[in-house]
Amino acid sequence: MPAERPDSPCVALCSTALGDEVCVGCGRTFQEVAQWVAMDATAREQVWQRLEQHWQARGLPAPWLQRG
């Protein structure tokens, strides 16, 4: 797991609570947000990899890298 990853991809801009299927803040799906704490390391790694590709495909830095 890369050192720059926090415990969660959440950046406190959650839109899934407002009914979005994909969070505009972190890029996780509603199910990924809801299940994050119950996921094992393998499942989380799969989400991390998908999210990194999601932001890279958009030409944007991953939002959790901008936290500070």
PDB file of N, CA and C in Angstrom:
ATOM      1  N   MET A   1       0.844  -1.177   0.000  1.00  0.00           N
ATOM      2  CA  MET A   1       0.000   0.000   0.000  1.00  0.00           C
ATOM      3  C   MET A   1       0.888   1.239   0.000  1.00  0.00           C
ATOM      4  N   PRO A   2       0.692   2.147  -0.949  1.00  0.00           N
ATOM      5  CA  PRO A   2       1.507   3.362  -0.986  1.00  0.00           C
ATOM      6  C   PRO A   2       1.389   4.181   0.292  1.00  0.00           C
ATOM      7  N   ALA A   3       2.490   4.788   0.705  1.00  0.00           N
ATOM      8  CA  ALA A   3       2.534   5.547   1.956  1.00  0.00           C
ATOM      9  C   ALA A   3       1.601   6.745   1.956  1.00  0.00           C
ATOM     10  N   GLU A   4       1.296   7.294   0.788  1.00  0.00           N
ATOM     11  CA  GLU A   4       0.462   8.495   0.737  1.00  0.00           C
ATOM     12  C   GLU A   4      -1.024   8.216   0.928  1.00  0.00           C
ATOM     13  N   ARG A   5      -1.396   6.967   0.988  1.00  0.00           N
ATOM     14  CA  ARG A   5      -2.810   6.638   1.186  1.00  0.00           C
ATOM     15  C   ARG A   5      -3.207   6.803   2.654  1.00  0.00           C
ATOM     16  N   PRO A   6      -4.313   7.498   2.893  1.00  0.00           N
ATOM     17  CA  PRO A   6      -4.843   7.566   4.257  1.00  0.00           C
ATOM     18  C   PRO A   6      -5.620   6.288   4.581  1.00  0.00           C
ATOM     19  N   ASP A   7      -6.228   6.222   5.742  1.00  0.00           N
ATOM     20  CA  ASP A   7      -7.028   5.045   6.121  1.00  0.00           C
ATOM     21  C   ASP A   7      -8.239   4.873   5.217  1.00  0.00           C
ATOM     22  N   SER A   8      -8.752   5.970   4.695  1.00  0.00           N
ATOM     23  CA  SER A   8      -9.941   5.951   3.855  1.00  0.00           C
ATOM     24  C   SER A   8      -9.779   6.978   2.747  1.00  0.00           C
ATOM     25  N   PRO A   9     -10.392   6.735   1.576  1.00  0.00           N
ATOM     26  CA  PRO A   9     -10.338   7.725   0.502  1.00  0.00           C
ATOM     27  C   PRO A   9     -11.250   8.932   0.752  1.00  0.00           C
ATOM     28  N   CYS A  10     -12.069   8.880   1.801  1.00  0.00           N
ATOM     29  CA  CYS A  10     -13.038   9.947   2.082  1.00  0.00           C
ATOM     30  C   CYS A  10     -12.331  11.299   2.236  1.00  0.00           C
ATOM     31  N   VAL A  11     -12.908  12.314   1.595  1.00  0.00           N
ATOM     32  CA  VAL A  11     -12.383  13.683   1.709  1.00  0.00           C
ATOM     33  C   VAL A  11     -13.455  14.632   2.247  1.00  0.00           C
ATOM     34  N   ALA A  12     -14.454  14.064   2.916  1.00  0.00           N
ATOM     35  CA  ALA A  12     -15.521  14.815   3.578  1.00  0.00           C
ATOM     36  C   ALA A  12     -16.342  15.670   2.609  1.00  0.00           C
ATOM     37  N   LEU A  13     -16.490  15.190   1.386  1.00  0.00           N
ATOM     38  CA  LEU A  13     -17.364  15.832   0.401  1.00  0.00           C
ATOM     39  C   LEU A  13     -18.350  14.791  -0.124  1.00  0.00           C
ATOM     40  N   CYS A  14     -18.855  13.969   0.763  1.00  0.00           N
ATOM     41  CA  CYS A  14     -19.679  12.829   0.376  1.00  0.00           C
ATOM     42  C   CYS A  14     -20.996  13.254  -0.252  1.00  0.00           C
ATOM     43  N   SER A  15     -21.245  12.724  -1.423  1.00  0.00           N
ATOM     44  CA  SER A  15     -22.514  12.998  -2.089  1.00  0.00           C
ATOM     45  C   SER A  15     -23.402  11.765  -2.140  1.00  0.00           C
ATOM     46  N   THR A  16     -22.895  10.609  -1.696  1.00  0.00           N
ATOM     47  CA  THR A  16     -23.740   9.415  -1.712  1.00  0.00           C
ATOM     48  C   THR A  16     -24.859   9.555  -0.695  1.00  0.00           C
ATOM     49  N   ALA A  17     -24.638  10.302   0.372  1.00  0.00           N
ATOM     50  CA  ALA A  17     -25.693  10.546   1.357  1.00  0.00           C
ATOM     51  C   ALA A  17     -26.814  11.394   0.758  1.00  0.00           C
ATOM     52  N   LEU A  18     -26.510  12.081  -0.333  1.00  0.00           N
ATOM     53  CA  LEU A  18     -27.505  12.913  -1.014  1.00  0.00           C
ATOM     54  C   LEU A  18     -28.173  12.178  -2.162  1.00  0.00           C
ATOM     55  N   GLY A  19     -27.811  10.893  -2.351  1.00  0.00           N
ATOM     56  CA  GLY A  19     -28.459  10.081  -3.363  1.00  0.00           C
ATOM     57  C   GLY A  19     -27.615   9.770  -4.585  1.00  0.00           C
ATOM     58  N   ASP A  20     -26.401  10.296  -4.663  1.00  0.00           N
ATOM     59  CA  ASP A  20     -25.534   9.972  -5.800  1.00  0.00           C
ATOM     60  C   ASP A  20     -25.045   8.529  -5.682  1.00  0.00           C
ATOM     61  N   GLU A  21     -24.989   7.826  -6.801  1.00  0.00           N
ATOM     62  CA  GLU A  21     -24.473   6.463  -6.803  1.00  0.00           C
ATOM     63  C   GLU A  21     -22.950   6.457  -6.658  1.00  0.00           C
ATOM     64  N   VAL A  22     -22.284   7.499  -7.171  1.00  0.00           N
ATOM     65  CA  VAL A  22     -20.831   7.625  -7.054  1.00  0.00           C
ATOM     66  C   VAL A  22     -20.528   8.948  -6.365  1.00  0.00           C
ATOM     67  N   CYS A  23     -19.712   8.902  -5.349  1.00  0.00           N
ATOM     68  CA  CYS A  23     -19.374  10.090  -4.568  1.00  0.00           C
ATOM     69  C   CYS A  23     -18.548  11.070  -5.404  1.00  0.00           C
ATOM     70  N   VAL A  24     -18.950  12.327  -5.420  1.00  0.00           N
ATOM     71  CA  VAL A  24     -18.191  13.336  -6.154  1.00  0.00           C
ATOM     72  C   VAL A  24     -16.904  13.701  -5.422  1.00  0.00           C
ATOM     73  N   GLY A  25     -16.828  13.391  -4.125  1.00  0.00           N
ATOM     74  CA  GLY A  25     -15.632  13.703  -3.351  1.00  0.00           C
ATOM     75  C   GLY A  25     -14.497  12.724  -3.573  1.00  0.00           C
ATOM     76  N   CYS A  26     -14.778  11.432  -3.388  1.00  0.00           N
ATOM     77  CA  CYS A  26     -13.709  10.436  -3.463  1.00  0.00           C
ATOM     78  C   CYS A  26     -13.798   9.506  -4.666  1.00  0.00           C
ATOM     79  N   GLY A  27     -14.984   9.373  -5.257  1.00  0.00           N
ATOM     80  CA  GLY A  27     -15.145   8.501  -6.416  1.00  0.00           C
ATOM     81  C   GLY A  27     -15.636   7.104  -6.091  1.00  0.00           C
ATOM     82  N   ARG A  28     -15.849   6.810  -4.795  1.00  0.00           N
ATOM     83  CA  ARG A  28     -16.358   5.485  -4.442  1.00  0.00           C
ATOM     84  C   ARG A  28     -17.850   5.394  -4.737  1.00  0.00           C
ATOM     85  N   THR A  29     -18.288   4.171  -4.988  1.00  0.00           N
ATOM     86  CA  THR A  29     -19.717   3.946  -5.169  1.00  0.00           C
ATOM     87  C   THR A  29     -20.397   3.968  -3.804  1.00  0.00           C
ATOM     88  N   PHE A  30     -21.726   4.067  -3.833  1.00  0.00           N
ATOM     89  CA  PHE A  30     -22.498   4.027  -2.598  1.00  0.00           C
ATOM     90  C   PHE A  30     -22.155   2.770  -1.795  1.00  0.00           C
ATOM     91  N   GLN A  31     -22.106   1.622  -2.473  1.00  0.00           N
ATOM     92  CA  GLN A  31     -21.801   0.359  -1.789  1.00  0.00           C
ATOM     93  C   GLN A  31     -20.395   0.358  -1.200  1.00  0.00           C
ATOM     94  N   GLU A  32     -19.437   0.910  -1.922  1.00  0.00           N
ATOM     95  CA  GLU A  32     -18.061   0.957  -1.405  1.00  0.00           C
ATOM     96  C   GLU A  32     -17.976   1.840  -0.164  1.00  0.00           C
ATOM     97  N   VAL A  33     -18.685   2.951  -0.167  1.00  0.00           N
ATOM     98  CA  VAL A  33     -18.706   3.829   1.006  1.00  0.00           C
ATOM     99  C   VAL A  33     -19.342   3.088   2.185  1.00  0.00           C
ATOM    100  N   ALA A  34     -20.493   2.480   1.943  1.00  0.00           N
ATOM    101  CA  ALA A  34     -21.236   1.805   3.003  1.00  0.00           C
ATOM    102  C   ALA A  34     -20.483   0.616   3.585  1.00  0.00           C
ATOM    103  N   GLN A  35     -19.715  -0.084   2.763  1.00  0.00           N
ATOM    104  CA  GLN A  35     -19.041  -1.307   3.200  1.00  0.00           C
ATOM    105  C   GLN A  35     -17.573  -1.124   3.586  1.00  0.00           C
ATOM    106  N   TRP A  36     -17.043   0.075   3.444  1.00  0.00           N
ATOM    107  CA  TRP A  36     -15.604   0.303   3.634  1.00  0.00           C
ATOM    108  C   TRP A  36     -15.074  -0.285   4.940  1.00  0.00           C
ATOM    109  N   VAL A  37     -15.722  -0.007   6.063  1.00  0.00           N
ATOM    110  CA  VAL A  37     -15.205  -0.475   7.351  1.00  0.00           C
ATOM    111  C   VAL A  37     -15.238  -1.994   7.484  1.00  0.00           C
ATOM    112  N   ALA A  38     -16.097  -2.657   6.719  1.00  0.00           N
ATOM    113  CA  ALA A  38     -16.207  -4.118   6.788  1.00  0.00           C
ATOM    114  C   ALA A  38     -15.329  -4.827   5.762  1.00  0.00           C
ATOM    115  N   MET A  39     -14.741  -4.082   4.833  1.00  0.00           N
ATOM    116  CA  MET A  39     -13.921  -4.698   3.782  1.00  0.00           C
ATOM    117  C   MET A  39     -12.588  -5.198   4.343  1.00  0.00           C
ATOM    118  N   ASP A  40     -12.124  -6.315   3.794  1.00  0.00           N
ATOM    119  CA  ASP A  40     -10.789  -6.778   4.158  1.00  0.00           C
ATOM    120  C   ASP A  40      -9.752  -6.031   3.315  1.00  0.00           C
ATOM    121  N   ALA A  41      -8.492  -6.265   3.599  1.00  0.00           N
ATOM    122  CA  ALA A  41      -7.411  -5.542   2.930  1.00  0.00           C
ATOM    123  C   ALA A  41      -7.420  -5.747   1.418  1.00  0.00           C
ATOM    124  N   THR A  42      -7.760  -6.945   0.968  1.00  0.00           N
ATOM    125  CA  THR A  42      -7.792  -7.237  -0.466  1.00  0.00           C
ATOM    126  C   THR A  42      -8.886  -6.429  -1.158  1.00  0.00           C
ATOM    127  N   ALA A  43     -10.058  -6.405  -0.576  1.00  0.00           N
ATOM    128  CA  ALA A  43     -11.174  -5.651  -1.160  1.00  0.00           C
ATOM    129  C   ALA A  43     -10.857  -4.153  -1.178  1.00  0.00           C
ATOM    130  N   ARG A  44     -10.275  -3.649  -0.099  1.00  0.00           N
ATOM    131  CA  ARG A  44      -9.910  -2.230  -0.059  1.00  0.00           C
ATOM    132  C   ARG A  44      -8.865  -1.914  -1.120  1.00  0.00           C
ATOM    133  N   GLU A  45      -7.903  -2.790  -1.288  1.00  0.00           N
ATOM    134  CA  GLU A  45      -6.871  -2.566  -2.308  1.00  0.00           C
ATOM    135  C   GLU A  45      -7.488  -2.492  -3.698  1.00  0.00           C
ATOM    136  N   GLN A  46      -8.452  -3.331  -3.969  1.00  0.00           N
ATOM    137  CA  GLN A  46      -9.131  -3.284  -5.264  1.00  0.00           C
ATOM    138  C   GLN A  46      -9.829  -1.940  -5.459  1.00  0.00           C
ATOM    139  N   VAL A  47     -10.459  -1.437  -4.419  1.00  0.00           N
ATOM    140  CA  VAL A  47     -11.120  -0.127  -4.502  1.00  0.00           C
ATOM    141  C   VAL A  47     -10.083   0.964  -4.700  1.00  0.00           C
ATOM    142  N   TRP A  48      -9.001   0.926  -3.914  1.00  0.00           N
ATOM    143  CA  TRP A  48      -7.940   1.935  -4.064  1.00  0.00           C
ATOM    144  C   TRP A  48      -7.428   1.965  -5.508  1.00  0.00           C
ATOM    145  N   GLN A  49      -7.162   0.802  -6.070  1.00  0.00           N
ATOM    146  CA  GLN A  49      -6.644   0.749  -7.436  1.00  0.00           C
ATOM    147  C   GLN A  49      -7.649   1.309  -8.440  1.00  0.00           C
ATOM    148  N   ARG A  50      -8.928   0.960  -8.267  1.00  0.00           N
ATOM    149  CA  ARG A  50      -9.947   1.495  -9.156  1.00  0.00           C
ATOM    150  C   ARG A  50     -10.047   3.003  -9.027  1.00  0.00           C
ATOM    151  N   LEU A  51      -9.989   3.508  -7.793  1.00  0.00           N
ATOM    152  CA  LEU A  51     -10.066   4.953  -7.581  1.00  0.00           C
ATOM    153  C   LEU A  51      -8.870   5.684  -8.193  1.00  0.00           C
ATOM    154  N   GLU A  52      -7.691   5.126  -8.042  1.00  0.00           N
ATOM    155  CA  GLU A  52      -6.505   5.748  -8.623  1.00  0.00           C
ATOM    156  C   GLU A  52      -6.637   5.828 -10.138  1.00  0.00           C
ATOM    157  N   GLN A  53      -7.161   4.781 -10.755  1.00  0.00           N
ATOM    158  CA  GLN A  53      -7.402   4.785 -12.202  1.00  0.00           C
ATOM    159  C   GLN A  53      -8.506   5.778 -12.567  1.00  0.00           C
ATOM    160  N   HIS A  54      -9.545   5.850 -11.746  1.00  0.00           N
ATOM    161  CA  HIS A  54     -10.676   6.767 -11.952  1.00  0.00           C
ATOM    162  C   HIS A  54     -10.178   8.210 -12.060  1.00  0.00           C
ATOM    163  N   TRP A  55      -9.356   8.631 -11.096  1.00  0.00           N
ATOM    164  CA  TRP A  55      -8.871  10.019 -11.092  1.00  0.00           C
ATOM    165  C   TRP A  55      -7.824  10.245 -12.169  1.00  0.00           C
ATOM    166  N   GLN A  56      -6.959   9.266 -12.401  1.00  0.00           N
ATOM    167  CA  GLN A  56      -5.938   9.390 -13.439  1.00  0.00           C
ATOM    168  C   GLN A  56      -6.589   9.527 -14.815  1.00  0.00           C
ATOM    169  N   ALA A  57      -7.639   8.761 -15.076  1.00  0.00           N
ATOM    170  CA  ALA A  57      -8.338   8.824 -16.368  1.00  0.00           C
ATOM    171  C   ALA A  57      -8.950  10.196 -16.613  1.00  0.00           C
ATOM    172  N   ARG A  58      -9.237  10.903 -15.537  1.00  0.00           N
ATOM    173  CA  ARG A  58      -9.808  12.245 -15.646  1.00  0.00           C
ATOM    174  C   ARG A  58      -8.732  13.331 -15.657  1.00  0.00           C
ATOM    175  N   GLY A  59      -7.483  12.903 -15.557  1.00  0.00           N
ATOM    176  CA  GLY A  59      -6.377  13.859 -15.546  1.00  0.00           C
ATOM    177  C   GLY A  59      -6.312  14.676 -14.272  1.00  0.00           C
ATOM    178  N   LEU A  60      -6.833  14.099 -13.193  1.00  0.00           N
ATOM    179  CA  LEU A  60      -6.885  14.810 -11.915  1.00  0.00           C
ATOM    180  C   LEU A  60      -6.110  14.055 -10.850  1.00  0.00           C
ATOM    181  N   PRO A  61      -5.528  14.777  -9.906  1.00  0.00           N
ATOM    182  CA  PRO A  61      -4.875  14.082  -8.793  1.00  0.00           C
ATOM    183  C   PRO A  61      -5.940  13.472  -7.886  1.00  0.00           C
ATOM    184  N   ALA A  62      -5.608  12.391  -7.243  1.00  0.00           N
ATOM    185  CA  ALA A  62      -6.535  11.777  -6.294  1.00  0.00           C
ATOM    186  C   ALA A  62      -6.824  12.775  -5.177  1.00  0.00           C
ATOM    187  N   PRO A  63      -8.081  12.979  -4.821  1.00  0.00           N
ATOM    188  CA  PRO A  63      -8.439  13.996  -3.827  1.00  0.00           C
ATOM    189  C   PRO A  63      -7.790  13.802  -2.468  1.00  0.00           C
ATOM    190  N   TRP A  64      -7.551  12.565  -2.066  1.00  0.00           N
ATOM    191  CA  TRP A  64      -6.940  12.339  -0.748  1.00  0.00           C
ATOM    192  C   TRP A  64      -5.486  12.787  -0.716  1.00  0.00           C
ATOM    193  N   LEU A  65      -4.865  12.969  -1.886  1.00  0.00           N
ATOM    194  CA  LEU A  65      -3.497  13.479  -1.920  1.00  0.00           C
ATOM    195  C   LEU A  65      -3.457  14.987  -1.697  1.00  0.00           C
ATOM    196  N   GLN A  66      -4.616  15.628  -1.826  1.00  0.00           N
ATOM    197  CA  GLN A  66      -4.704  17.073  -1.661  1.00  0.00           C
ATOM    198  C   GLN A  66      -5.071  17.481  -0.239  1.00  0.00           C
ATOM    199  N   ARG A  67      -5.368  16.475   0.602  1.00  0.00           N
ATOM    200  CA  ARG A  67      -5.678  16.785   2.004  1.00  0.00           C
ATOM    201  C   ARG A  67      -4.419  17.248   2.701  1.00  0.00           C
ATOM    202  N   GLY A  68      -4.579  18.090   3.643  1.00  0.00           N
ATOM    203  CA  GLY A  68      -3.379  18.508   4.355  1.00  0.00           C
ATOM    204  C   GLY A  68      -3.691  19.244   5.511  1.00  0.00           C
TER     205      GLY A  68
END
